Amino acid sequence: MAFTAPAVMKAWQYSAASGGIEANMKLNSKATPPPAKLSPEQVYIEVMSMSLNPVDYKLPEVPFIGGLVISKPASPGLDYCGKVLSAGSRVDVKPGQFVFGRLEKPSQFGTLAECIVTNRDGAVPLPEGVDPDSAAAIGTAGLTAYQCIVPFAKAGDKIFINGVLVVQAHSLCKDLGADEVIDYKTSDLTKALGAKGQIFSLAVDNVGTPHGLYPASHHYLKEGGRFVQVGAPVSLSAMYTLLSRMLLPGFLGGGKRPFQFLNTASKYDDFAQIGQWTKEGKVRAVIDTSFEFKDGPKAYEKLRTGRAKGKIVVHVTDKP
């Protein structure tokens, strides 16, 4: 039997990004859902919970480019947990099954809406006992953490992770397993790492600053240690820095440790492993705040402050 998509859906949509997408969002109770026709590897999903990422607003707010890559009106959001309404012939999940995952990139039909379409790699069965909010919070952040650490580290390795934290998050980092937290506001981060010697097997940079962190990495990374960059400021100078790190060899002034820029990509098996670890309590998604659907713009206002100590979740439809 052919699947019939809902005639309309509720969605928070923006048609302009000037002044911030949250300032332009409008709740549309009769929004047009994604097309019902699926490819063999696509899944049509009713969203229960979604979580926010900075790229949700950063990409559409980039002048000119944001308007080109995302059709309007658009709903923001990549990460979700929801229920399968229809699935292509090459997809493992079935209608009625609860799943979690992400959209591969920002698009017109984001997860701050009742219905989305994603691909096979972005729709993984929800493990029994895992709360939908926690599953929705895995998404891009969980997958990025997995892909920048698991392929490059083994048990017993020391890992340095560069990230911007509010003061109140220091205790949270310790609670999550960090051995030490260095406050970049009171310490010279590069010097502090160098003083420790070559003890780290992996460095993960989620920020892209300070700029000297990679050139000095041979002072704190072991021989064969790797520097993985995940985040970077959105600017031409940041792009130049990134390209020079990727292309300039050490004997010409480049870094002396292998450099890799991580482009997070949805992978079914990676999501499945994270879901299993979440079920077993080996990892957990940290949620700062949960908002109801009617307060979608307020969720993005909170995200933009940079003060969230964890993921921000929005309840889109009722949980089962």
C-alpha atoms as a PDB file:
ATOM      1  CA  MET A   1       0.000   0.000   0.000  1.00  0.00           C
ATOM      2  CA  ALA A   2       1.347   3.402  -0.975  1.00  0.00           C
ATOM      3  CA  PHE A   3       2.170   5.729   1.893  1.00  0.00           C
ATOM      4  CA  THR A   4       0.120   8.913   2.142  1.00  0.00           C
ATOM      5  CA  ALA A   5       1.891  11.763   3.883  1.00  0.00           C
ATOM      6  CA  PRO A   6      -0.052  14.100   6.189  1.00  0.00           C
ATOM      7  CA  ALA A   7      -1.745  16.894   4.250  1.00  0.00           C
ATOM      8  CA  VAL A   8      -0.283  19.524   6.602  1.00  0.00           C
ATOM      9  CA  MET A   9       1.992  19.668   9.632  1.00  0.00           C
ATOM     10  CA  LYS A  10       3.021  22.063  12.372  1.00  0.00           C
ATOM     11  CA  ALA A  11       6.423  23.622  11.859  1.00  0.00           C
ATOM     12  CA  TRP A  12       8.484  26.559  13.020  1.00  0.00           C
ATOM     13  CA  GLN A  13       9.642  28.260   9.824  1.00  0.00           C
ATOM     14  CA  TYR A  14      11.763  31.237   8.840  1.00  0.00           C
ATOM     15  CA  SER A  15      11.899  33.008   5.483  1.00  0.00           C
ATOM     16  CA  ALA A  16      14.717  35.415   6.354  1.00  0.00           C
ATOM     17  CA  ALA A  17      17.781  35.261   8.591  1.00  0.00           C
ATOM     18  CA  SER A  18      18.602  38.931   9.130  1.00  0.00           C
ATOM     19  CA  GLY A  19      18.681  39.606  12.867  1.00  0.00           C
ATOM     20  CA  GLY A  20      18.838  35.875  13.620  1.00  0.00           C
ATOM     21  CA  ILE A  21      16.571  33.035  12.517  1.00  0.00           C
ATOM     22  CA  GLU A  22      14.808  32.976  15.898  1.00  0.00           C
ATOM     23  CA  ALA A  23      13.654  36.551  15.334  1.00  0.00           C
ATOM     24  CA  ASN A  24      12.138  35.512  12.015  1.00  0.00           C
ATOM     25  CA  MET A  25      10.506  32.229  13.026  1.00  0.00           C
ATOM     26  CA  LYS A  26       6.756  31.805  12.727  1.00  0.00           C
ATOM     27  CA  LEU A  27       4.690  28.831  13.831  1.00  0.00           C
ATOM     28  CA  ASN A  28       2.877  27.481  10.790  1.00  0.00           C
ATOM     29  CA  SER A  29       0.051  25.087  11.693  1.00  0.00           C
ATOM     30  CA  LYS A  30      -0.580  24.279   8.036  1.00  0.00           C
ATOM     31  CA  ALA A  31       2.951  23.868   6.744  1.00  0.00           C
ATOM     32  CA  THR A  32       3.579  21.654   3.733  1.00  0.00           C
ATOM     33  CA  PRO A  33       5.201  18.349   4.838  1.00  0.00           C
ATOM     34  CA  PRO A  34       8.119  16.727   2.977  1.00  0.00           C
ATOM     35  CA  PRO A  35       7.093  14.835  -0.189  1.00  0.00           C
ATOM     36  CA  ALA A  36       5.787  11.326   0.495  1.00  0.00           C
ATOM     37  CA  LYS A  37       7.692   9.678  -2.357  1.00  0.00           C
ATOM     38  CA  LEU A  38      10.790   8.028  -0.918  1.00  0.00           C
ATOM     39  CA  SER A  39      13.907   6.544  -2.463  1.00  0.00           C
ATOM     40  CA  PRO A  40      14.754   2.957  -1.404  1.00  0.00           C
ATOM     41  CA  GLU A  41      17.109   4.290   1.320  1.00  0.00           C
ATOM     42  CA  GLN A  42      14.933   7.044   2.783  1.00  0.00           C
ATOM     43  CA  VAL A  43      12.745   7.101   5.897  1.00  0.00           C
ATOM     44  CA  TYR A  44       9.692   9.292   6.607  1.00  0.00           C
ATOM     45  CA  ILE A  45       9.539  10.171  10.312  1.00  0.00           C
ATOM     46  CA  GLU A  46       7.220  11.867  12.783  1.00  0.00           C
ATOM     47  CA  VAL A  47       9.448  13.837  15.173  1.00  0.00           C
ATOM     48  CA  MET A  48       8.943  13.478  18.932  1.00  0.00           C
ATOM     49  CA  SER A  49      11.967  15.416  20.215  1.00  0.00           C
ATOM     50  CA  MET A  50      14.732  17.390  18.516  1.00  0.00           C
ATOM     51  CA  SER A  51      17.928  18.996  19.736  1.00  0.00           C
ATOM     52  CA  LEU A  52      19.748  22.105  18.591  1.00  0.00           C
ATOM     53  CA  ASN A  53      23.189  22.693  17.094  1.00  0.00           C
ATOM     54  CA  PRO A  54      24.936  26.010  16.309  1.00  0.00           C
ATOM     55  CA  VAL A  55      25.009  25.117  12.599  1.00  0.00           C
ATOM     56  CA  ASP A  56      21.201  25.331  12.655  1.00  0.00           C
ATOM     57  CA  TYR A  57      21.489  29.120  12.676  1.00  0.00           C
ATOM     58  CA  LYS A  58      25.077  29.740  11.560  1.00  0.00           C
ATOM     59  CA  LEU A  59      24.646  28.345   8.055  1.00  0.00           C
ATOM     60  CA  PRO A  60      21.391  30.125   7.124  1.00  0.00           C
ATOM     61  CA  GLU A  61      22.815  33.389   8.506  1.00  0.00           C
ATOM     62  CA  VAL A  62      25.897  33.316   6.258  1.00  0.00           C
ATOM     63  CA  PRO A  63      25.313  36.119   3.731  1.00  0.00           C
ATOM     64  CA  PHE A  64      24.323  34.952   0.264  1.00  0.00           C
ATOM     65  CA  ILE A  65      25.416  31.323   0.808  1.00  0.00           C
ATOM     66  CA  GLY A  66      22.737  30.613   3.414  1.00  0.00           C
ATOM     67  CA  GLY A  67      20.028  31.760   1.050  1.00  0.00           C
ATOM     68  CA  LEU A  68      21.357  29.568  -1.745  1.00  0.00           C
ATOM     69  CA  VAL A  69      21.698  26.258   0.076  1.00  0.00           C
ATOM     70  CA  ILE A  70      18.423  26.306   2.033  1.00  0.00           C
ATOM     71  CA  SER A  71      15.068  26.826   0.305  1.00  0.00           C
ATOM     72  CA  LYS A  72      12.486  28.940   2.135  1.00  0.00           C
ATOM     73  CA  PRO A  73      10.374  28.833   4.154  1.00  0.00           C
ATOM     74  CA  ALA A  74      12.588  26.526   6.179  1.00  0.00           C
ATOM     75  CA  SER A  75      12.581  24.780   9.547  1.00  0.00           C
ATOM     76  CA  PRO A  76      15.889  24.541  11.447  1.00  0.00           C
ATOM     77  CA  GLY A  77      17.250  21.423  13.098  1.00  0.00           C
ATOM     78  CA  LEU A  78      19.250  18.267  12.328  1.00  0.00           C
ATOM     79  CA  ASP A  79      18.913  15.966  15.341  1.00  0.00           C
ATOM     80  CA  TYR A  80      15.816  14.062  16.408  1.00  0.00           C
ATOM     81  CA  CYS A  81      14.066  11.073  17.922  1.00  0.00           C
ATOM     82  CA  GLY A  82      10.773   9.986  16.403  1.00  0.00           C
ATOM     83  CA  LYS A  83       8.532   7.324  14.906  1.00  0.00           C
ATOM     84  CA  VAL A  84       8.827   5.803  11.446  1.00  0.00           C
ATOM     85  CA  LEU A  85       5.785   6.483   9.255  1.00  0.00           C
ATOM     86  CA  SER A  86       7.186   4.960   6.062  1.00  0.00           C
ATOM     87  CA  ALA A  87      10.471   3.394   4.941  1.00  0.00           C
ATOM     88  CA  GLY A  88      12.153   2.586   1.634  1.00  0.00           C
ATOM     89  CA  SER A  89      12.829  -0.955   0.504  1.00  0.00           C
ATOM     90  CA  ARG A  90      16.544  -0.874   1.481  1.00  0.00           C
ATOM     91  CA  VAL A  91      15.971   0.425   5.003  1.00  0.00           C
ATOM     92  CA  ASP A  92      16.124  -1.817   8.075  1.00  0.00           C
ATOM     93  CA  VAL A  93      13.548   0.050  10.180  1.00  0.00           C
ATOM     94  CA  LYS A  94       9.792  -0.417   9.792  1.00  0.00           C
ATOM     95  CA  PRO A  95       6.691   1.792  10.147  1.00  0.00           C
ATOM     96  CA  GLY A  96       5.732   2.219  13.793  1.00  0.00           C
ATOM     97  CA  GLN A  97       9.298   1.720  15.031  1.00  0.00           C
ATOM     98  CA  PHE A  98      10.943   4.406  17.161  1.00  0.00           C
ATOM     99  CA  VAL A  99      14.257   5.707  15.849  1.00  0.00           C
ATOM    100  CA  PHE A 100      16.865   8.399  16.480  1.00  0.00           C
ATOM    101  CA  GLY A 101      19.540  10.063  14.381  1.00  0.00           C
ATOM    102  CA  ARG A 102      20.051  13.154  12.273  1.00  0.00           C
ATOM    103  CA  LEU A 103      19.594  14.812   8.940  1.00  0.00           C
ATOM    104  CA  GLU A 104      22.801  14.899   6.912  1.00  0.00           C
ATOM    105  CA  LYS A 105      22.741  18.686   6.425  1.00  0.00           C
ATOM    106  CA  PRO A 106      20.536  21.723   7.069  1.00  0.00           C
ATOM    107  CA  SER A 107      17.635  21.820   4.632  1.00  0.00           C
ATOM    108  CA  GLN A 108      14.159  23.225   4.108  1.00  0.00           C
ATOM    109  CA  PHE A 109      12.588  20.428   6.150  1.00  0.00           C
ATOM    110  CA  GLY A 110      14.470  20.518   9.468  1.00  0.00           C
ATOM    111  CA  THR A 111      13.588  18.750  12.699  1.00  0.00           C
ATOM    112  CA  LEU A 112      11.768  21.680  14.373  1.00  0.00           C
ATOM    113  CA  ALA A 113       8.687  20.350  12.581  1.00  0.00           C
ATOM    114  CA  GLU A 114       6.372  17.379  12.919  1.00  0.00           C
ATOM    115  CA  CYS A 115       7.661  15.443   9.877  1.00  0.00           C
ATOM    116  CA  ILE A 116      11.069  14.901   8.279  1.00  0.00           C
ATOM    117  CA  VAL A 117      12.714  12.627   5.719  1.00  0.00           C
ATOM    118  CA  THR A 118      16.188  11.232   6.374  1.00  0.00           C
ATOM    119  CA  ASN A 119      18.360   8.517   4.903  1.00  0.00           C
ATOM    120  CA  ARG A 120      19.092   5.022   6.186  1.00  0.00           C
ATOM    121  CA  ASP A 121      22.255   6.064   8.023  1.00  0.00           C
ATOM    122  CA  GLY A 122      20.340   8.759   9.895  1.00  0.00           C
ATOM    123  CA  ALA A 123      17.574   6.525  11.299  1.00  0.00           C
ATOM    124  CA  VAL A 124      18.614   3.930  13.889  1.00  0.00           C
ATOM    125  CA  PRO A 125      16.297   1.916  16.199  1.00  0.00           C
ATOM    126  CA  LEU A 126      15.809   3.510  19.619  1.00  0.00           C
ATOM    127  CA  PRO A 127      17.282   1.094  22.212  1.00  0.00           C
ATOM    128  CA  GLU A 128      14.851  -0.115  24.841  1.00  0.00           C
ATOM    129  CA  GLY A 129      15.016   1.984  27.989  1.00  0.00           C
ATOM    130  CA  VAL A 130      16.635   5.047  26.349  1.00  0.00           C
ATOM    131  CA  ASP A 131      14.544   8.196  26.778  1.00  0.00           C
ATOM    132  CA  PRO A 132      13.580   9.959  23.508  1.00  0.00           C
ATOM    133  CA  ASP A 133      15.030  13.261  24.750  1.00  0.00           C
ATOM    134  CA  SER A 134      18.395  11.618  25.450  1.00  0.00           C
ATOM    135  CA  ALA A 135      18.337   9.951  22.045  1.00  0.00           C
ATOM    136  CA  ALA A 136      17.490  13.236  20.316  1.00  0.00           C
ATOM    137  CA  ALA A 137      20.449  14.832  22.090  1.00  0.00           C
ATOM    138  CA  ILE A 138      22.902  12.289  20.648  1.00  0.00           C
ATOM    139  CA  GLY A 139      22.633  13.338  17.013  1.00  0.00           C
ATOM    140  CA  THR A 140      25.396  15.502  15.618  1.00  0.00           C
ATOM    141  CA  ALA A 141      27.302  16.044  18.886  1.00  0.00           C
ATOM    142  CA  GLY A 142      27.380  12.359  19.803  1.00  0.00           C
ATOM    143  CA  LEU A 143      28.346  11.269  16.315  1.00  0.00           C
ATOM    144  CA  THR A 144      31.083  13.905  16.098  1.00  0.00           C
ATOM    145  CA  ALA A 145      32.544  12.851  19.446  1.00  0.00           C
ATOM    146  CA  TYR A 146      32.525   9.216  18.344  1.00  0.00           C
ATOM    147  CA  GLN A 147      34.118   9.841  14.951  1.00  0.00           C
ATOM    148  CA  CYS A 148      36.881  12.130  16.207  1.00  0.00           C
ATOM    149  CA  ILE A 149      37.956   9.807  19.030  1.00  0.00           C
ATOM    150  CA  VAL A 150      37.128   6.125  18.419  1.00  0.00           C
ATOM    151  CA  PRO A 151      39.051   5.685  15.123  1.00  0.00           C
ATOM    152  CA  PHE A 152      42.186   7.345  16.512  1.00  0.00           C
ATOM    153  CA  ALA A 153      42.462   6.255  20.154  1.00  0.00           C
ATOM    154  CA  LYS A 154      42.645   3.079  22.172  1.00  0.00           C
ATOM    155  CA  ALA A 155      42.105   2.208  25.832  1.00  0.00           C
ATOM    156  CA  GLY A 156      44.642   3.930  28.063  1.00  0.00           C
ATOM    157  CA  ASP A 157      45.463   6.779  25.672  1.00  0.00           C
ATOM    158  CA  LYS A 158      45.527  10.333  26.997  1.00  0.00           C
ATOM    159  CA  ILE A 159      43.337  12.708  24.952  1.00  0.00           C
ATOM    160  CA  PHE A 160      43.248  16.492  24.978  1.00  0.00           C
ATOM    161  CA  ILE A 161      39.918  18.080  24.012  1.00  0.00           C
ATOM    162  CA  ASN A 162      39.752  21.811  23.306  1.00  0.00           C
ATOM    163  CA  GLY A 163      36.347  23.353  23.944  1.00  0.00           C
ATOM    164  CA  VAL A 164      34.881  26.599  25.240  1.00  0.00           C
ATOM    165  CA  LEU A 165      33.162  26.154  28.600  1.00  0.00           C
ATOM    166  CA  VAL A 166      31.376  28.417  31.028  1.00  0.00           C
ATOM    167  CA  VAL A 167      32.875  28.357  34.514  1.00  0.00           C
ATOM    168  CA  GLN A 168      29.962  26.336  35.877  1.00  0.00           C
ATOM    169  CA  ALA A 169      30.758  23.541  33.388  1.00  0.00           C
ATOM    170  CA  HIS A 170      34.165  22.743  34.901  1.00  0.00           C
ATOM    171  CA  SER A 171      32.598  20.458  37.500  1.00  0.00           C
ATOM    172  CA  LEU A 172      30.461  18.885  34.771  1.00  0.00           C
ATOM    173  CA  CYS A 173      33.589  17.969  32.800  1.00  0.00           C
ATOM    174  CA  LYS A 174      35.068  16.312  35.876  1.00  0.00           C
ATOM    175  CA  ASP A 175      31.800  14.473  36.448  1.00  0.00           C
ATOM    176  CA  LEU A 176      31.919  13.167  32.873  1.00  0.00           C
ATOM    177  CA  GLY A 177      35.419  11.779  33.351  1.00  0.00           C
ATOM    178  CA  ALA A 178      37.925  14.560  32.627  1.00  0.00           C
ATOM    179  CA  ASP A 179      41.140  14.199  34.614  1.00  0.00           C
ATOM    180  CA  GLU A 180      41.967  17.903  34.400  1.00  0.00           C
ATOM    181  CA  VAL A 181      40.310  21.097  33.169  1.00  0.00           C
ATOM    182  CA  ILE A 182      42.468  24.021  31.966  1.00  0.00           C
ATOM    183  CA  ASP A 183      40.862  27.458  32.065  1.00  0.00           C
ATOM    184  CA  TYR A 184      41.956  29.264  28.901  1.00  0.00           C
ATOM    185  CA  LYS A 185      40.962  32.596  30.463  1.00  0.00           C
ATOM    186  CA  THR A 186      43.538  32.327  33.230  1.00  0.00           C
ATOM    187  CA  SER A 187      46.199  30.169  31.531  1.00  0.00           C
ATOM    188  CA  ASP A 188      48.128  30.216  28.276  1.00  0.00           C
ATOM    189  CA  LEU A 189      46.698  26.995  26.887  1.00  0.00           C
ATOM    190  CA  THR A 190      49.536  26.234  24.481  1.00  0.00           C
ATOM    191  CA  LYS A 191      52.199  26.754  27.154  1.00  0.00           C
ATOM    192  CA  ALA A 192      50.237  24.745  29.715  1.00  0.00           C
ATOM    193  CA  LEU A 193      50.042  21.789  27.338  1.00  0.00           C
ATOM    194  CA  GLY A 194      53.692  22.070  26.318  1.00  0.00           C
ATOM    195  CA  ALA A 195      54.747  21.994  29.956  1.00  0.00           C
ATOM    196  CA  LYS A 196      53.218  18.535  30.279  1.00  0.00           C
ATOM    197  CA  GLY A 197      55.473  17.097  27.590  1.00  0.00           C
ATOM    198  CA  GLN A 198      54.554  14.593  24.885  1.00  0.00           C
ATOM    199  CA  ILE A 199      51.897  12.699  26.833  1.00  0.00           C
ATOM    200  CA  PHE A 200      48.830  12.868  24.574  1.00  0.00           C
ATOM    201  CA  SER A 201      47.985  10.418  21.789  1.00  0.00           C
ATOM    202  CA  LEU A 202      45.193  12.558  20.365  1.00  0.00           C
ATOM    203  CA  ALA A 203      44.160  16.211  20.388  1.00  0.00           C
ATOM    204  CA  VAL A 204      40.610  17.168  19.406  1.00  0.00           C
ATOM    205  CA  ASP A 205      39.990  20.851  18.670  1.00  0.00           C
ATOM    206  CA  ASN A 206      36.321  21.827  18.764  1.00  0.00           C
ATOM    207  CA  VAL A 207      37.006  25.564  18.588  1.00  0.00           C
ATOM    208  CA  GLY A 208      39.786  26.417  16.145  1.00  0.00           C
ATOM    209  CA  THR A 209      41.536  28.753  18.583  1.00  0.00           C
ATOM    210  CA  PRO A 210      44.077  29.586  19.883  1.00  0.00           C
ATOM    211  CA  HIS A 211      45.761  29.552  16.479  1.00  0.00           C
ATOM    212  CA  GLY A 212      49.070  28.298  17.875  1.00  0.00           C
ATOM    213  CA  LEU A 213      47.560  25.102  19.236  1.00  0.00           C
ATOM    214  CA  TYR A 214      48.304  22.943  16.187  1.00  0.00           C
ATOM    215  CA  PRO A 215      51.740  24.368  15.247  1.00  0.00           C
ATOM    216  CA  ALA A 216      52.881  23.606  18.821  1.00  0.00           C
ATOM    217  CA  SER A 217      51.222  20.180  18.950  1.00  0.00           C
ATOM    218  CA  HIS A 218      54.536  18.298  18.709  1.00  0.00           C
ATOM    219  CA  HIS A 219      55.325  19.613  22.196  1.00  0.00           C
ATOM    220  CA  TYR A 220      52.388  17.779  23.789  1.00  0.00           C
ATOM    221  CA  LEU A 221      51.465  15.031  21.283  1.00  0.00           C
ATOM    222  CA  LYS A 222      53.430  11.803  21.203  1.00  0.00           C
ATOM    223  CA  GLU A 223      55.247  10.675  18.076  1.00  0.00           C
ATOM    224  CA  GLY A 224      52.476   9.408  15.817  1.00  0.00           C
ATOM    225  CA  GLY A 225      49.859  11.377  17.763  1.00  0.00           C
ATOM    226  CA  ARG A 226      47.130  13.033  15.722  1.00  0.00           C
ATOM    227  CA  PHE A 227      45.489  16.472  15.800  1.00  0.00           C
ATOM    228  CA  VAL A 228      41.815  16.376  14.772  1.00  0.00           C
ATOM    229  CA  GLN A 229      40.024  19.676  14.189  1.00  0.00           C
ATOM    230  CA  VAL A 230      36.230  19.706  14.381  1.00  0.00           C
ATOM    231  CA  GLY A 231      35.243  23.345  14.732  1.00  0.00           C
ATOM    232  CA  ALA A 232      36.560  26.604  13.331  1.00  0.00           C
ATOM    233  CA  PRO A 233      35.443  30.246  13.155  1.00  0.00           C
ATOM    234  CA  VAL A 234      33.494  31.185  10.018  1.00  0.00           C
ATOM    235  CA  SER A 235      35.855  33.573   8.221  1.00  0.00           C
ATOM    236  CA  LEU A 236      38.257  33.756   5.288  1.00  0.00           C
ATOM    237  CA  SER A 237      41.249  33.846   7.627  1.00  0.00           C
ATOM    238  CA  ALA A 238      40.022  30.691   9.374  1.00  0.00           C
ATOM    239  CA  MET A 239      39.649  28.994   5.988  1.00  0.00           C
ATOM    240  CA  TYR A 240      43.211  29.983   5.058  1.00  0.00           C
ATOM    241  CA  THR A 241      44.510  28.617   8.364  1.00  0.00           C
ATOM    242  CA  LEU A 242      42.664  25.359   7.836  1.00  0.00           C
ATOM    243  CA  LEU A 243      44.005  24.891   4.309  1.00  0.00           C
ATOM    244  CA  SER A 244      47.571  25.658   5.382  1.00  0.00           C
ATOM    245  CA  ARG A 245      47.350  23.087   8.162  1.00  0.00           C
ATOM    246  CA  MET A 246      46.106  20.469   5.724  1.00  0.00           C
ATOM    247  CA  LEU A 247      48.595  21.217   2.933  1.00  0.00           C
ATOM    248  CA  LEU A 248      51.755  22.801   4.375  1.00  0.00           C
ATOM    249  CA  PRO A 249      54.404  20.187   5.326  1.00  0.00           C
ATOM    250  CA  GLY A 250      56.351  20.447   8.557  1.00  0.00           C
ATOM    251  CA  PHE A 251      59.695  21.243   6.868  1.00  0.00           C
ATOM    252  CA  LEU A 252      58.065  24.347   5.313  1.00  0.00           C
ATOM    253  CA  GLY A 253      56.732  25.634   8.608  1.00  0.00           C
ATOM    254  CA  GLY A 254      53.628  23.459   8.944  1.00  0.00           C
ATOM    255  CA  GLY A 255      52.706  21.329  11.920  1.00  0.00           C
ATOM    256  CA  LYS A 256      54.833  18.326  12.842  1.00  0.00           C
ATOM    257  CA  ARG A 257      51.982  15.990  13.742  1.00  0.00           C
ATOM    258  CA  PRO A 258      49.322  14.510  11.413  1.00  0.00           C
ATOM    259  CA  PHE A 259      46.394  16.900  10.970  1.00  0.00           C
ATOM    260  CA  GLN A 260      42.836  15.979  10.049  1.00  0.00           C
ATOM    261  CA  PHE A 261      39.713  18.084   9.672  1.00  0.00           C
ATOM    262  CA  LEU A 262      36.689  15.996  10.599  1.00  0.00           C
ATOM    263  CA  ASN A 263      33.614  16.195   8.413  1.00  0.00           C
ATOM    264  CA  THR A 264      30.958  14.429  10.473  1.00  0.00           C
ATOM    265  CA  ALA A 265      28.901  12.014   8.367  1.00  0.00           C
ATOM    266  CA  SER A 266      25.915   9.928   9.440  1.00  0.00           C
ATOM    267  CA  LYS A 267      26.791   6.246   9.778  1.00  0.00           C
ATOM    268  CA  TYR A 268      24.258   3.645  10.876  1.00  0.00           C
ATOM    269  CA  ASP A 269      26.763   1.487  12.747  1.00  0.00           C
ATOM    270  CA  ASP A 270      28.235   4.461  14.622  1.00  0.00           C
ATOM    271  CA  PHE A 271      24.801   5.567  15.791  1.00  0.00           C
ATOM    272  CA  ALA A 272      23.909   1.998  16.759  1.00  0.00           C
ATOM    273  CA  GLN A 273      27.051   1.722  18.912  1.00  0.00           C
ATOM    274  CA  ILE A 274      26.386   5.038  20.649  1.00  0.00           C
ATOM    275  CA  GLY A 275      22.795   3.946  21.282  1.00  0.00           C
ATOM    276  CA  GLN A 276      23.986   0.680  22.813  1.00  0.00           C
ATOM    277  CA  TRP A 277      26.489   2.459  25.053  1.00  0.00           C
ATOM    278  CA  THR A 278      23.724   4.834  26.139  1.00  0.00           C
ATOM    279  CA  LYS A 279      21.494   1.885  27.026  1.00  0.00           C
ATOM    280  CA  GLU A 280      24.335   0.341  29.043  1.00  0.00           C
ATOM    281  CA  GLY A 281      25.027   3.628  30.843  1.00  0.00           C
ATOM    282  CA  LYS A 282      28.574   3.875  29.454  1.00  0.00           C
ATOM    283  CA  VAL A 283      27.793   7.244  27.854  1.00  0.00           C
ATOM    284  CA  ARG A 284      25.059   9.748  28.531  1.00  0.00           C
ATOM    285  CA  ALA A 285      23.690  12.773  26.792  1.00  0.00           C
ATOM    286  CA  VAL A 286      23.826  15.877  28.980  1.00  0.00           C
ATOM    287  CA  ILE A 287      20.695  18.002  28.583  1.00  0.00           C
ATOM    288  CA  ASP A 288      20.784  21.612  29.739  1.00  0.00           C
ATOM    289  CA  THR A 289      17.183  22.640  29.023  1.00  0.00           C
ATOM    290  CA  SER A 290      14.020  21.189  27.492  1.00  0.00           C
ATOM    291  CA  PHE A 291      11.493  23.435  25.749  1.00  0.00           C
ATOM    292  CA  GLU A 292       7.978  22.766  24.541  1.00  0.00           C
ATOM    293  CA  PHE A 293       7.231  23.176  20.842  1.00  0.00           C
ATOM    294  CA  LYS A 294       5.469  26.506  21.340  1.00  0.00           C
ATOM    295  CA  ASP A 295       8.741  27.937  22.653  1.00  0.00           C
ATOM    296  CA  GLY A 296      10.940  26.897  19.724  1.00  0.00           C
ATOM    297  CA  PRO A 297      12.408  30.403  19.145  1.00  0.00           C
ATOM    298  CA  LYS A 298      13.270  30.691  22.857  1.00  0.00           C
ATOM    299  CA  ALA A 299      15.323  27.506  22.544  1.00  0.00           C
ATOM    300  CA  TYR A 300      17.447  29.139  19.846  1.00  0.00           C
ATOM    301  CA  GLU A 301      17.782  32.301  21.918  1.00  0.00           C
ATOM    302  CA  LYS A 302      19.225  30.150  24.698  1.00  0.00           C
ATOM    303  CA  LEU A 303      21.583  28.351  22.294  1.00  0.00           C
ATOM    304  CA  ARG A 304      22.933  31.634  20.958  1.00  0.00           C
ATOM    305  CA  THR A 305      23.974  32.787  24.451  1.00  0.00           C
ATOM    306  CA  GLY A 306      26.666  30.088  24.475  1.00  0.00           C
ATOM    307  CA  ARG A 307      25.890  29.386  28.120  1.00  0.00           C
ATOM    308  CA  ALA A 308      24.135  26.047  27.822  1.00  0.00           C
ATOM    309  CA  LYS A 309      25.876  23.326  29.853  1.00  0.00           C
ATOM    310  CA  GLY A 310      24.669  20.541  27.577  1.00  0.00           C
ATOM    311  CA  LYS A 311      22.176  19.980  24.787  1.00  0.00           C
ATOM    312  CA  ILE A 312      18.972  21.971  24.316  1.00  0.00           C
ATOM    313  CA  VAL A 313      15.946  19.824  23.473  1.00  0.00           C
ATOM    314  CA  VAL A 314      12.543  20.744  22.083  1.00  0.00           C
ATOM    315  CA  HIS A 315       9.469  18.489  22.422  1.00  0.00           C
ATOM    316  CA  VAL A 316       7.814  18.481  19.020  1.00  0.00           C
ATOM    317  CA  THR A 317       5.040  15.892  19.448  1.00  0.00           C
ATOM    318  CA  ASP A 318       3.848  13.850  22.411  1.00  0.00           C
ATOM    319  CA  LYS A 319       5.910  10.900  23.593  1.00  0.00           C
ATOM    320  CA  PRO A 320       4.266   7.446  23.449  1.00  0.00           C
END
